[in-house]
N, C-alpha and C. Protein backbone atom coordinates (compact mmCIF):
# COMPACT_ATOMS: atom_id res chain seq x y z
N UNK A 1 15.03 12.83 -14.22
CA UNK A 1 15.69 11.97 -13.23
C UNK A 1 14.87 11.94 -11.94
N UNK A 2 14.64 10.75 -11.39
CA UNK A 2 13.85 10.63 -10.19
C UNK A 2 14.61 11.12 -8.97
N UNK A 3 13.86 11.62 -8.00
CA UNK A 3 14.48 12.14 -6.78
C UNK A 3 15.12 11.02 -5.99
N UNK A 4 16.27 11.25 -5.36
CA UNK A 4 16.92 10.23 -4.55
C UNK A 4 16.18 10.02 -3.25
N UNK A 5 16.56 8.95 -2.55
CA UNK A 5 15.98 8.66 -1.25
C UNK A 5 16.25 9.81 -0.30
N UNK A 6 15.20 10.31 0.35
CA UNK A 6 15.33 11.42 1.28
C UNK A 6 14.73 11.01 2.61
N UNK A 7 15.10 11.69 3.66
CA UNK A 7 14.59 11.37 4.99
C UNK A 7 14.21 12.64 5.73
N UNK A 8 13.17 12.51 6.55
CA UNK A 8 12.85 13.61 7.45
C UNK A 8 13.80 13.56 8.63
N UNK A 9 14.03 14.67 9.35
CA UNK A 9 14.92 14.68 10.51
C UNK A 9 14.43 13.74 11.60
N UNK A 10 15.36 13.20 12.35
CA UNK A 10 15.04 12.24 13.41
C UNK A 10 14.79 12.99 14.71
N UNK A 11 13.65 13.64 14.84
CA UNK A 11 13.28 14.27 16.08
C UNK A 11 11.75 14.31 16.16
N UNK A 12 11.21 14.38 17.41
CA UNK A 12 9.76 14.35 17.55
C UNK A 12 9.12 15.50 16.79
N UNK A 13 8.00 15.21 16.13
CA UNK A 13 7.32 16.23 15.35
C UNK A 13 5.83 15.95 15.38
N UNK A 14 5.02 16.99 15.33
CA UNK A 14 3.59 16.84 15.27
C UNK A 14 3.22 16.06 14.01
N UNK A 15 2.41 15.00 14.16
CA UNK A 15 2.11 14.14 13.02
C UNK A 15 1.34 14.86 11.93
N UNK A 16 0.50 15.80 12.30
CA UNK A 16 -0.22 16.56 11.27
C UNK A 16 0.74 17.40 10.45
N UNK A 17 1.74 17.98 11.12
CA UNK A 17 2.76 18.77 10.42
C UNK A 17 3.58 17.86 9.51
N UNK A 18 3.96 16.70 10.05
CA UNK A 18 4.76 15.76 9.25
C UNK A 18 3.97 15.28 8.04
N UNK A 19 2.69 14.95 8.23
CA UNK A 19 1.87 14.53 7.09
C UNK A 19 1.83 15.62 6.02
N UNK A 20 1.66 16.85 6.46
CA UNK A 20 1.60 17.96 5.50
C UNK A 20 2.90 18.08 4.73
N UNK A 21 4.04 17.96 5.43
CA UNK A 21 5.34 18.08 4.77
C UNK A 21 5.54 16.95 3.75
N UNK A 22 5.18 15.74 4.15
CA UNK A 22 5.38 14.59 3.27
C UNK A 22 4.43 14.64 2.07
N UNK A 23 3.22 15.09 2.29
CA UNK A 23 2.27 15.20 1.18
C UNK A 23 2.70 16.28 0.20
N UNK A 24 3.27 17.37 0.72
CA UNK A 24 3.78 18.42 -0.17
C UNK A 24 4.96 17.91 -0.98
N UNK A 25 5.82 17.14 -0.33
CA UNK A 25 6.97 16.56 -1.02
C UNK A 25 6.52 15.61 -2.12
N UNK A 26 5.51 14.80 -1.81
CA UNK A 26 4.97 13.85 -2.79
C UNK A 26 4.28 14.58 -3.94
N UNK A 27 3.51 15.61 -3.62
CA UNK A 27 2.76 16.34 -4.64
C UNK A 27 3.67 17.12 -5.58
N UNK A 28 4.89 17.43 -5.11
CA UNK A 28 5.81 18.22 -5.94
C UNK A 28 6.47 17.43 -7.05
N UNK A 29 6.29 16.10 -7.06
CA UNK A 29 6.88 15.28 -8.12
C UNK A 29 6.14 15.53 -9.43
N UNK A 30 6.83 15.92 -10.48
CA UNK A 30 6.18 16.20 -11.78
C UNK A 30 5.47 14.96 -12.34
N UNK A 31 4.40 15.17 -13.11
CA UNK A 31 3.62 14.04 -13.65
C UNK A 31 4.45 13.02 -14.41
N UNK A 32 5.40 13.47 -15.26
CA UNK A 32 6.17 12.50 -16.05
C UNK A 32 7.07 11.64 -15.15
N UNK A 33 7.56 12.24 -14.05
CA UNK A 33 8.37 11.46 -13.12
C UNK A 33 7.51 10.47 -12.34
N UNK A 34 6.28 10.85 -12.04
CA UNK A 34 5.36 9.95 -11.33
C UNK A 34 5.10 8.70 -12.16
N UNK A 35 4.83 8.91 -13.45
CA UNK A 35 4.55 7.77 -14.31
C UNK A 35 5.80 6.92 -14.53
N UNK A 36 6.93 7.56 -14.62
CA UNK A 36 8.19 6.82 -14.76
C UNK A 36 8.44 5.98 -13.52
N UNK A 37 8.18 6.57 -12.35
CA UNK A 37 8.37 5.84 -11.09
C UNK A 37 7.44 4.63 -11.02
N UNK A 38 6.20 4.80 -11.47
CA UNK A 38 5.23 3.70 -11.43
C UNK A 38 5.67 2.55 -12.32
N UNK A 39 6.19 2.88 -13.51
CA UNK A 39 6.65 1.83 -14.42
C UNK A 39 7.86 1.11 -13.85
N UNK A 40 8.77 1.85 -13.23
CA UNK A 40 9.95 1.23 -12.63
C UNK A 40 9.56 0.33 -11.46
N UNK A 41 8.60 0.80 -10.67
CA UNK A 41 8.15 0.00 -9.53
C UNK A 41 7.59 -1.34 -10.00
N UNK A 42 6.79 -1.31 -11.06
CA UNK A 42 6.23 -2.56 -11.59
C UNK A 42 7.33 -3.49 -12.09
N UNK A 43 8.34 -2.96 -12.74
CA UNK A 43 9.44 -3.80 -13.22
C UNK A 43 10.15 -4.50 -12.08
N UNK A 44 10.25 -3.82 -10.94
CA UNK A 44 10.85 -4.45 -9.75
C UNK A 44 9.89 -5.49 -9.15
N UNK A 45 8.62 -5.11 -9.05
CA UNK A 45 7.65 -5.98 -8.41
C UNK A 45 7.39 -7.26 -9.19
N UNK A 46 7.36 -7.17 -10.51
CA UNK A 46 6.98 -8.32 -11.33
C UNK A 46 7.95 -9.49 -11.18
N UNK A 47 9.18 -9.22 -10.76
CA UNK A 47 10.17 -10.29 -10.58
C UNK A 47 10.32 -10.71 -9.11
N UNK A 48 9.54 -10.12 -8.21
CA UNK A 48 9.65 -10.40 -6.77
C UNK A 48 9.06 -11.79 -6.48
N UNK A 49 9.82 -12.69 -5.88
CA UNK A 49 9.33 -14.06 -5.64
C UNK A 49 7.97 -14.14 -4.94
N UNK A 50 7.70 -13.35 -3.88
CA UNK A 50 6.37 -13.46 -3.26
C UNK A 50 5.23 -13.12 -4.22
N UNK A 51 5.46 -12.21 -5.16
CA UNK A 51 4.41 -11.92 -6.13
C UNK A 51 4.24 -13.07 -7.10
N UNK A 52 5.32 -13.70 -7.50
CA UNK A 52 5.20 -14.83 -8.42
C UNK A 52 4.35 -15.95 -7.81
N UNK A 53 4.45 -16.11 -6.49
CA UNK A 53 3.68 -17.16 -5.81
C UNK A 53 2.24 -16.73 -5.52
N UNK A 54 2.00 -15.44 -5.46
CA UNK A 54 0.68 -14.93 -5.07
C UNK A 54 -0.35 -15.15 -6.17
N UNK A 55 -1.56 -15.45 -5.76
CA UNK A 55 -2.68 -15.60 -6.69
C UNK A 55 -3.72 -14.49 -6.50
N UNK A 56 -3.90 -14.07 -5.25
CA UNK A 56 -4.89 -13.05 -4.93
C UNK A 56 -4.17 -11.83 -4.36
N UNK A 57 -4.20 -10.74 -5.11
CA UNK A 57 -3.43 -9.54 -4.75
C UNK A 57 -4.38 -8.34 -4.66
N UNK A 58 -4.25 -7.58 -3.59
CA UNK A 58 -5.05 -6.37 -3.40
C UNK A 58 -4.20 -5.14 -3.66
N UNK A 59 -4.81 -4.13 -4.25
CA UNK A 59 -4.10 -2.89 -4.55
C UNK A 59 -5.09 -1.74 -4.53
N UNK A 60 -4.69 -0.62 -3.97
CA UNK A 60 -5.58 0.54 -3.92
C UNK A 60 -5.65 1.24 -5.29
N UNK A 61 -6.77 1.93 -5.51
CA UNK A 61 -6.93 2.77 -6.69
C UNK A 61 -6.47 4.17 -6.29
N UNK A 62 -5.39 4.64 -6.89
CA UNK A 62 -4.69 5.83 -6.39
C UNK A 62 -5.45 7.13 -6.61
N UNK A 63 -5.36 8.00 -5.61
CA UNK A 63 -5.78 9.38 -5.74
C UNK A 63 -4.68 10.13 -6.50
N UNK A 64 -4.97 11.35 -7.01
CA UNK A 64 -4.00 12.06 -7.85
C UNK A 64 -2.60 12.21 -7.26
N UNK A 65 -2.47 12.48 -5.96
CA UNK A 65 -1.15 12.71 -5.38
C UNK A 65 -0.49 11.43 -4.85
N UNK A 66 -1.22 10.32 -4.82
CA UNK A 66 -0.64 9.08 -4.31
C UNK A 66 0.24 8.43 -5.37
N UNK A 67 1.02 7.45 -4.94
CA UNK A 67 1.83 6.69 -5.90
C UNK A 67 0.89 6.03 -6.89
N UNK A 68 1.08 6.26 -8.21
CA UNK A 68 0.15 5.71 -9.21
C UNK A 68 0.15 4.18 -9.20
N UNK A 69 -1.04 3.62 -9.38
CA UNK A 69 -1.15 2.15 -9.38
C UNK A 69 -1.67 1.58 -10.69
N UNK A 70 -1.96 2.43 -11.67
CA UNK A 70 -2.51 1.93 -12.94
C UNK A 70 -1.60 0.89 -13.59
N UNK A 71 -0.30 1.20 -13.68
CA UNK A 71 0.64 0.29 -14.33
C UNK A 71 0.76 -1.02 -13.55
N UNK A 72 0.72 -0.92 -12.24
CA UNK A 72 0.84 -2.12 -11.41
C UNK A 72 -0.39 -3.00 -11.57
N UNK A 73 -1.57 -2.41 -11.50
CA UNK A 73 -2.80 -3.19 -11.64
C UNK A 73 -2.88 -3.83 -13.02
N UNK A 74 -2.51 -3.08 -14.05
CA UNK A 74 -2.52 -3.65 -15.41
C UNK A 74 -1.54 -4.82 -15.50
N UNK A 75 -0.38 -4.68 -14.89
CA UNK A 75 0.60 -5.77 -14.91
C UNK A 75 0.11 -6.99 -14.16
N UNK A 76 -0.54 -6.78 -13.03
CA UNK A 76 -1.08 -7.91 -12.26
C UNK A 76 -2.13 -8.66 -13.06
N UNK A 77 -2.99 -7.92 -13.75
CA UNK A 77 -4.01 -8.56 -14.56
C UNK A 77 -3.40 -9.34 -15.73
N UNK A 78 -2.35 -8.79 -16.33
CA UNK A 78 -1.67 -9.50 -17.42
C UNK A 78 -1.05 -10.81 -16.94
N UNK A 79 -0.62 -10.81 -15.67
CA UNK A 79 -0.04 -12.03 -15.10
C UNK A 79 -1.10 -13.04 -14.69
N UNK A 80 -2.36 -12.67 -14.81
CA UNK A 80 -3.42 -13.59 -14.44
C UNK A 80 -3.75 -13.60 -12.96
N UNK A 81 -3.33 -12.59 -12.23
CA UNK A 81 -3.64 -12.51 -10.81
C UNK A 81 -5.11 -12.11 -10.62
N UNK A 82 -5.70 -12.57 -9.54
CA UNK A 82 -6.98 -12.04 -9.11
C UNK A 82 -6.68 -10.74 -8.36
N UNK A 83 -7.19 -9.62 -8.83
CA UNK A 83 -6.91 -8.32 -8.23
C UNK A 83 -8.13 -7.84 -7.44
N UNK A 84 -7.87 -7.40 -6.22
CA UNK A 84 -8.92 -6.90 -5.34
C UNK A 84 -8.59 -5.47 -4.93
N UNK A 85 -9.64 -4.65 -4.75
CA UNK A 85 -9.45 -3.27 -4.35
C UNK A 85 -10.29 -2.99 -3.11
N UNK A 86 -9.84 -2.04 -2.27
CA UNK A 86 -10.60 -1.74 -1.05
C UNK A 86 -11.86 -0.94 -1.34
N UNK A 87 -12.92 -1.27 -0.62
CA UNK A 87 -14.18 -0.54 -0.67
C UNK A 87 -14.58 -0.22 0.76
N UNK A 88 -14.83 1.05 1.05
CA UNK A 88 -15.18 1.47 2.39
C UNK A 88 -16.63 1.13 2.70
N UNK A 89 -16.84 0.52 3.87
CA UNK A 89 -18.19 0.19 4.32
C UNK A 89 -18.85 1.46 4.82
N UNK A 90 -20.00 1.79 4.27
CA UNK A 90 -20.68 3.02 4.63
C UNK A 90 -21.40 2.93 5.97
N UNK A 91 -21.59 1.72 6.47
CA UNK A 91 -22.36 1.53 7.69
C UNK A 91 -21.50 1.37 8.94
N UNK A 92 -20.30 0.82 8.79
CA UNK A 92 -19.45 0.56 9.93
C UNK A 92 -18.20 1.44 9.89
N UNK A 93 -17.91 2.08 11.01
CA UNK A 93 -16.77 2.99 11.09
C UNK A 93 -15.44 2.24 10.90
N UNK A 94 -14.57 2.80 10.05
CA UNK A 94 -13.24 2.25 9.77
C UNK A 94 -13.27 0.82 9.23
N UNK A 95 -14.37 0.43 8.66
CA UNK A 95 -14.48 -0.90 8.10
C UNK A 95 -14.37 -0.82 6.58
N UNK A 96 -13.58 -1.70 6.00
CA UNK A 96 -13.53 -1.79 4.56
C UNK A 96 -13.49 -3.25 4.15
N UNK A 97 -13.87 -3.50 2.91
CA UNK A 97 -13.84 -4.86 2.37
C UNK A 97 -12.99 -4.82 1.11
N UNK A 98 -12.60 -6.00 0.64
CA UNK A 98 -11.81 -6.08 -0.59
C UNK A 98 -12.64 -6.84 -1.64
N UNK A 99 -12.83 -6.17 -2.77
CA UNK A 99 -13.69 -6.68 -3.81
C UNK A 99 -12.91 -6.92 -5.09
N UNK A 100 -13.27 -7.96 -5.80
CA UNK A 100 -12.61 -8.30 -7.07
C UNK A 100 -12.72 -7.13 -8.05
N UNK A 101 -11.59 -6.80 -8.66
CA UNK A 101 -11.55 -5.66 -9.58
C UNK A 101 -11.57 -6.13 -11.03
N UNK A 102 -12.44 -5.51 -11.79
CA UNK A 102 -12.46 -5.71 -13.25
C UNK A 102 -12.57 -4.34 -13.90
N UNK A 103 -11.71 -4.05 -14.87
CA UNK A 103 -11.69 -2.72 -15.48
C UNK A 103 -13.03 -2.25 -16.02
N UNK A 104 -13.90 -3.19 -16.44
CA UNK A 104 -15.18 -2.81 -17.03
C UNK A 104 -16.28 -2.63 -16.00
N UNK A 105 -16.00 -2.90 -14.71
CA UNK A 105 -17.03 -2.82 -13.68
C UNK A 105 -17.43 -1.37 -13.41
N UNK A 106 -18.71 -1.10 -13.10
CA UNK A 106 -19.14 0.27 -12.77
C UNK A 106 -18.47 0.75 -11.49
N UNK A 107 -18.09 2.04 -11.48
CA UNK A 107 -17.37 2.61 -10.36
C UNK A 107 -18.14 3.78 -9.77
N UNK A 108 -17.78 4.16 -8.55
CA UNK A 108 -18.35 5.32 -7.88
C UNK A 108 -17.29 5.94 -6.99
N UNK A 109 -17.57 7.14 -6.47
CA UNK A 109 -16.66 7.79 -5.52
C UNK A 109 -17.26 7.71 -4.12
N UNK A 110 -16.42 7.35 -3.15
CA UNK A 110 -16.89 7.31 -1.77
C UNK A 110 -16.84 8.70 -1.13
N UNK A 111 -17.09 8.79 0.15
CA UNK A 111 -17.17 10.09 0.81
C UNK A 111 -15.84 10.82 0.88
N UNK A 112 -14.75 10.10 0.60
CA UNK A 112 -13.43 10.73 0.57
C UNK A 112 -13.01 11.10 -0.86
N UNK A 113 -13.89 10.84 -1.81
CA UNK A 113 -13.57 11.13 -3.21
C UNK A 113 -12.76 10.05 -3.88
N UNK A 114 -12.60 8.90 -3.23
CA UNK A 114 -11.81 7.79 -3.77
C UNK A 114 -12.70 6.93 -4.67
N UNK A 115 -12.18 6.59 -5.84
CA UNK A 115 -12.93 5.74 -6.76
C UNK A 115 -12.93 4.30 -6.26
N UNK A 116 -14.09 3.66 -6.30
CA UNK A 116 -14.21 2.27 -5.88
C UNK A 116 -15.36 1.61 -6.63
N UNK A 117 -15.33 0.30 -6.77
CA UNK A 117 -16.44 -0.39 -7.45
C UNK A 117 -17.71 -0.41 -6.60
N UNK A 118 -18.85 -0.56 -7.25
CA UNK A 118 -20.09 -0.72 -6.53
C UNK A 118 -20.03 -2.00 -5.71
N UNK A 119 -20.58 -1.95 -4.50
CA UNK A 119 -20.52 -3.10 -3.61
C UNK A 119 -21.26 -4.31 -4.19
N UNK A 120 -20.52 -5.43 -4.24
CA UNK A 120 -21.09 -6.70 -4.65
C UNK A 120 -20.52 -7.78 -3.75
N UNK A 121 -21.22 -8.11 -2.67
CA UNK A 121 -20.70 -9.05 -1.66
C UNK A 121 -20.19 -10.37 -2.24
N UNK A 122 -20.81 -10.86 -3.31
CA UNK A 122 -20.37 -12.15 -3.85
C UNK A 122 -19.00 -12.07 -4.52
N UNK A 123 -18.51 -10.87 -4.77
CA UNK A 123 -17.20 -10.69 -5.38
C UNK A 123 -16.14 -10.28 -4.36
N UNK A 124 -16.49 -10.38 -3.08
CA UNK A 124 -15.57 -9.96 -2.03
C UNK A 124 -14.83 -11.15 -1.44
N UNK A 125 -13.70 -10.83 -0.79
CA UNK A 125 -12.84 -11.88 -0.25
C UNK A 125 -12.44 -11.51 1.18
N UNK A 126 -12.43 -12.50 2.06
CA UNK A 126 -11.97 -12.26 3.43
C UNK A 126 -10.49 -11.91 3.40
N UNK A 127 -10.08 -10.96 4.22
CA UNK A 127 -8.72 -10.45 4.16
C UNK A 127 -7.64 -11.49 4.38
N UNK A 128 -7.82 -12.45 5.30
CA UNK A 128 -6.78 -13.49 5.46
C UNK A 128 -6.60 -14.38 4.23
N UNK A 129 -7.55 -14.31 3.29
CA UNK A 129 -7.43 -15.11 2.07
C UNK A 129 -6.56 -14.43 1.00
N UNK A 130 -6.30 -13.15 1.19
CA UNK A 130 -5.42 -12.44 0.26
C UNK A 130 -3.98 -12.89 0.45
N UNK A 131 -3.23 -12.95 -0.62
CA UNK A 131 -1.82 -13.32 -0.53
C UNK A 131 -0.92 -12.11 -0.32
N UNK A 132 -1.28 -10.99 -0.94
CA UNK A 132 -0.43 -9.80 -0.92
C UNK A 132 -1.32 -8.57 -1.01
N UNK A 133 -1.00 -7.55 -0.22
CA UNK A 133 -1.74 -6.28 -0.26
C UNK A 133 -0.75 -5.14 -0.45
N UNK A 134 -0.96 -4.33 -1.49
CA UNK A 134 -0.16 -3.12 -1.68
C UNK A 134 -0.86 -1.99 -0.94
N UNK A 135 -0.14 -1.42 0.01
CA UNK A 135 -0.74 -0.49 0.97
C UNK A 135 -0.32 0.95 0.68
N UNK A 136 -1.28 1.88 0.62
CA UNK A 136 -0.93 3.29 0.44
C UNK A 136 -0.40 3.88 1.74
N UNK A 137 0.36 4.95 1.63
CA UNK A 137 0.89 5.58 2.84
C UNK A 137 1.36 6.99 2.53
N UNK A 138 1.59 7.74 3.61
CA UNK A 138 2.13 9.10 3.50
C UNK A 138 3.62 9.09 3.80
N UNK A 139 4.02 8.27 4.78
CA UNK A 139 5.44 8.17 5.13
C UNK A 139 5.76 6.78 5.65
N UNK A 140 7.04 6.40 5.60
CA UNK A 140 7.47 5.09 6.08
C UNK A 140 8.90 5.19 6.58
N UNK A 141 9.29 4.24 7.44
CA UNK A 141 10.69 4.16 7.85
C UNK A 141 11.22 2.76 7.56
N UNK A 142 12.49 2.53 7.86
CA UNK A 142 13.13 1.28 7.48
C UNK A 142 12.65 0.08 8.30
N UNK A 143 11.93 0.36 9.40
CA UNK A 143 11.42 -0.72 10.24
C UNK A 143 9.99 -1.10 9.88
N UNK A 144 9.45 -0.49 8.82
CA UNK A 144 8.13 -0.85 8.39
C UNK A 144 7.01 -0.10 9.08
N UNK A 145 7.35 0.92 9.87
CA UNK A 145 6.32 1.74 10.49
C UNK A 145 5.74 2.64 9.40
N UNK A 146 4.44 2.66 9.34
CA UNK A 146 3.72 3.37 8.28
C UNK A 146 2.95 4.55 8.84
N UNK A 147 3.10 5.69 8.19
CA UNK A 147 2.30 6.86 8.52
C UNK A 147 1.23 7.01 7.45
N UNK A 148 -0.04 6.82 7.85
CA UNK A 148 -1.13 6.94 6.89
C UNK A 148 -1.79 8.31 6.99
N UNK A 149 -3.00 8.38 6.48
CA UNK A 149 -3.74 9.63 6.49
C UNK A 149 -4.37 9.93 7.84
N UNK A 150 -4.36 8.95 8.73
CA UNK A 150 -4.89 9.17 10.07
C UNK A 150 -6.28 8.59 10.29
N UNK A 151 -6.86 7.97 9.25
CA UNK A 151 -8.20 7.41 9.41
C UNK A 151 -8.22 6.07 10.12
N UNK A 152 -7.11 5.35 10.12
CA UNK A 152 -7.02 4.08 10.81
C UNK A 152 -7.63 2.89 10.09
N UNK A 153 -7.94 3.03 8.81
CA UNK A 153 -8.61 1.95 8.09
C UNK A 153 -7.73 0.71 7.96
N UNK A 154 -6.50 0.87 7.51
CA UNK A 154 -5.65 -0.30 7.31
C UNK A 154 -5.23 -0.92 8.64
N UNK A 155 -4.91 -0.09 9.63
CA UNK A 155 -4.54 -0.64 10.93
C UNK A 155 -5.70 -1.40 11.57
N UNK A 156 -6.90 -0.88 11.43
CA UNK A 156 -8.07 -1.54 12.02
C UNK A 156 -8.38 -2.86 11.32
N UNK A 157 -8.37 -2.85 10.00
CA UNK A 157 -8.80 -4.03 9.26
C UNK A 157 -7.73 -5.11 9.16
N UNK A 158 -6.46 -4.73 9.35
CA UNK A 158 -5.40 -5.73 9.30
C UNK A 158 -4.77 -5.97 10.68
N UNK A 159 -5.53 -5.65 11.73
CA UNK A 159 -5.02 -5.86 13.08
C UNK A 159 -4.70 -7.33 13.34
N UNK A 160 -5.40 -8.24 12.67
CA UNK A 160 -5.12 -9.67 12.87
C UNK A 160 -3.70 -10.05 12.48
N UNK A 161 -3.06 -9.23 11.63
CA UNK A 161 -1.69 -9.53 11.19
C UNK A 161 -0.67 -9.23 12.29
N UNK A 162 -1.12 -8.65 13.40
CA UNK A 162 -0.21 -8.45 14.53
C UNK A 162 0.21 -9.81 15.11
N UNK A 163 -0.66 -10.81 14.96
CA UNK A 163 -0.34 -12.17 15.36
C UNK A 163 0.30 -12.85 14.16
N UNK A 164 1.59 -12.55 13.94
CA UNK A 164 2.25 -12.97 12.70
C UNK A 164 2.55 -14.47 12.65
N UNK A 165 2.53 -15.14 13.79
CA UNK A 165 2.79 -16.58 13.76
C UNK A 165 1.53 -17.36 13.41
N UNK A 166 0.39 -16.77 13.70
CA UNK A 166 -0.89 -17.42 13.38
C UNK A 166 -1.37 -17.02 11.99
N UNK A 167 -1.21 -15.74 11.64
CA UNK A 167 -1.66 -15.24 10.36
C UNK A 167 -0.46 -14.83 9.52
N UNK A 168 -0.04 -15.71 8.62
CA UNK A 168 1.10 -15.43 7.75
C UNK A 168 0.69 -14.59 6.54
N UNK A 169 -0.60 -14.57 6.26
CA UNK A 169 -1.11 -13.84 5.09
C UNK A 169 -2.10 -12.78 5.56
N UNK A 170 -2.23 -11.75 4.75
CA UNK A 170 -1.44 -11.45 3.54
C UNK A 170 -0.16 -10.71 3.89
N UNK A 171 0.81 -10.76 2.99
CA UNK A 171 1.97 -9.89 3.13
C UNK A 171 1.53 -8.46 2.87
N UNK A 172 2.04 -7.54 3.66
CA UNK A 172 1.69 -6.13 3.50
C UNK A 172 2.87 -5.39 2.90
N UNK A 173 2.68 -4.91 1.69
CA UNK A 173 3.75 -4.25 0.94
C UNK A 173 3.40 -2.77 0.77
N UNK A 174 4.14 -1.89 1.45
CA UNK A 174 3.91 -0.46 1.31
C UNK A 174 4.36 0.02 -0.06
N UNK A 175 3.63 1.00 -0.60
CA UNK A 175 3.95 1.54 -1.91
C UNK A 175 4.08 3.05 -1.80
N UNK A 176 5.26 3.57 -2.17
CA UNK A 176 5.51 5.00 -2.02
C UNK A 176 6.69 5.44 -2.86
N UNK A 177 6.85 6.75 -2.99
CA UNK A 177 8.04 7.31 -3.60
C UNK A 177 9.16 7.34 -2.56
N UNK A 178 10.39 7.32 -3.04
CA UNK A 178 11.52 7.40 -2.12
C UNK A 178 11.47 8.63 -1.23
N UNK A 179 10.94 9.74 -1.74
CA UNK A 179 10.92 10.99 -0.98
C UNK A 179 9.99 10.93 0.22
N UNK A 180 9.24 9.86 0.35
CA UNK A 180 8.35 9.71 1.51
C UNK A 180 9.01 8.97 2.67
N UNK A 181 10.27 8.64 2.49
CA UNK A 181 11.01 7.94 3.54
C UNK A 181 11.28 8.86 4.73
N UNK A 182 11.10 8.31 5.94
CA UNK A 182 11.41 9.02 7.19
C UNK A 182 12.51 8.28 7.93
N UNK A 183 13.39 9.00 8.57
CA UNK A 183 14.47 8.36 9.32
C UNK A 183 13.92 7.48 10.43
N UNK A 184 12.90 7.99 11.13
CA UNK A 184 12.32 7.22 12.23
C UNK A 184 10.90 7.70 12.49
N UNK A 185 9.98 6.76 12.63
CA UNK A 185 8.60 7.05 13.00
C UNK A 185 8.27 6.31 14.29
N UNK A 186 7.66 6.99 15.23
CA UNK A 186 7.27 6.35 16.48
C UNK A 186 6.11 5.39 16.21
N UNK A 187 6.21 4.18 16.76
CA UNK A 187 5.19 3.16 16.53
C UNK A 187 4.21 3.11 17.70
N UNK A 188 2.94 3.21 17.40
CA UNK A 188 1.89 3.03 18.39
C UNK A 188 1.54 1.55 18.49
N UNK A 189 0.91 1.18 19.60
CA UNK A 189 0.62 -0.25 19.79
C UNK A 189 -0.39 -0.78 18.78
N UNK A 190 -1.17 0.11 18.18
CA UNK A 190 -2.16 -0.34 17.20
C UNK A 190 -1.63 -0.32 15.76
N UNK A 191 -0.43 0.18 15.56
CA UNK A 191 0.12 0.25 14.20
C UNK A 191 0.51 -1.13 13.69
N UNK A 192 -0.03 -1.51 12.56
CA UNK A 192 0.31 -2.79 11.94
C UNK A 192 1.51 -2.55 11.03
N UNK A 193 2.66 -3.17 11.32
CA UNK A 193 3.85 -2.91 10.51
C UNK A 193 3.79 -3.55 9.13
N UNK A 194 4.50 -2.95 8.20
CA UNK A 194 4.61 -3.49 6.86
C UNK A 194 5.64 -4.61 6.84
N UNK A 195 5.52 -5.51 5.88
CA UNK A 195 6.50 -6.58 5.71
C UNK A 195 7.62 -6.17 4.76
N UNK A 196 7.30 -5.27 3.83
CA UNK A 196 8.29 -4.83 2.85
C UNK A 196 7.81 -3.51 2.25
N UNK A 197 8.73 -2.85 1.54
CA UNK A 197 8.42 -1.58 0.88
C UNK A 197 8.76 -1.66 -0.59
N UNK A 198 7.91 -1.06 -1.41
CA UNK A 198 8.17 -0.94 -2.85
C UNK A 198 8.22 0.54 -3.21
N UNK A 199 9.33 0.96 -3.81
CA UNK A 199 9.47 2.30 -4.34
C UNK A 199 9.98 2.19 -5.77
N UNK A 200 10.25 3.33 -6.39
CA UNK A 200 10.75 3.31 -7.76
C UNK A 200 12.15 2.68 -7.87
N UNK A 201 12.83 2.51 -6.73
CA UNK A 201 14.17 1.92 -6.78
C UNK A 201 14.20 0.43 -6.42
N UNK A 202 13.04 -0.13 -6.08
CA UNK A 202 13.03 -1.57 -5.83
C UNK A 202 12.19 -1.98 -4.64
N UNK A 203 12.18 -3.27 -4.36
CA UNK A 203 11.49 -3.86 -3.21
C UNK A 203 12.53 -4.14 -2.14
N UNK A 204 12.24 -3.74 -0.94
CA UNK A 204 13.16 -4.08 0.16
C UNK A 204 12.38 -4.52 1.39
N UNK A 205 12.84 -5.60 1.97
CA UNK A 205 12.26 -6.11 3.20
C UNK A 205 12.59 -5.17 4.33
N UNK A 206 11.63 -4.91 5.20
CA UNK A 206 11.87 -3.97 6.29
C UNK A 206 12.63 -4.65 7.42
N UNK A 207 13.30 -3.85 8.21
CA UNK A 207 14.10 -4.36 9.33
C UNK A 207 13.18 -5.00 10.36
N UNK A 208 13.49 -6.23 10.73
CA UNK A 208 12.72 -6.91 11.78
C UNK A 208 11.48 -7.62 11.31
N UNK A 209 11.24 -7.68 9.99
CA UNK A 209 10.03 -8.34 9.51
C UNK A 209 10.09 -9.83 9.83
N UNK A 210 8.96 -10.34 10.33
CA UNK A 210 8.87 -11.76 10.67
C UNK A 210 8.24 -12.57 9.55
N UNK A 211 7.86 -11.90 8.48
CA UNK A 211 7.21 -12.62 7.38
C UNK A 211 8.18 -13.56 6.69
N UNK A 212 7.67 -14.64 6.16
CA UNK A 212 8.50 -15.59 5.43
C UNK A 212 8.37 -15.32 3.94
N UNK A 213 9.45 -14.93 3.33
CA UNK A 213 9.43 -14.58 1.92
C UNK A 213 9.85 -15.73 1.03
N UNK A 214 10.56 -16.67 1.57
CA UNK A 214 11.02 -17.80 0.75
C UNK A 214 12.19 -17.38 -0.14
N UNK A 215 12.75 -18.34 -0.84
CA UNK A 215 13.93 -18.10 -1.66
C UNK A 215 13.65 -18.15 -3.16
N UNK A 216 12.46 -18.56 -3.55
CA UNK A 216 12.15 -18.71 -4.98
C UNK A 216 10.96 -17.84 -5.38
């Protein structure tokens, strides 16, 4: 049985301590429950109207303790979506690009140990051209505030989404286990909020999201 939705206490806490607590909570989920959660998440996502409309979808390649993405990526490919994955730029700080993913493509590990495809600029896509991005995280709250690993990659590269009336795309969908939920996270001015959250119990729009999801 999967763990129910849990929350951290609503009081100020050192972010490094909070990250450690949330990562320990996430790592404690047994392997069979992790895979079950991933399959359930895909079943919820596959019927989500914004995904049905999306053609170009980005998704991270999960590290061992992160929410698994194998089932989601396989499902996206079966639906005929163009799938893109993040690749860290080795020359520019906090810069990453999104490259078309194909299961047969040669892969490598970056300096963080994350698997990514070999850089091929002709297979890359400008971020505003993506329709939907599944975003990794350590913690999240109901308002879409995201606690990441602290590197600032997603906040830096998706800063243009702060102008939500000019840039409607891509939708940013956080992906996590329910146990990573926090009652409240303080938002910094550089934090790019999520539009919605996906967990093993479903997709839910975050409080205050200005994104247009449509009705179909």
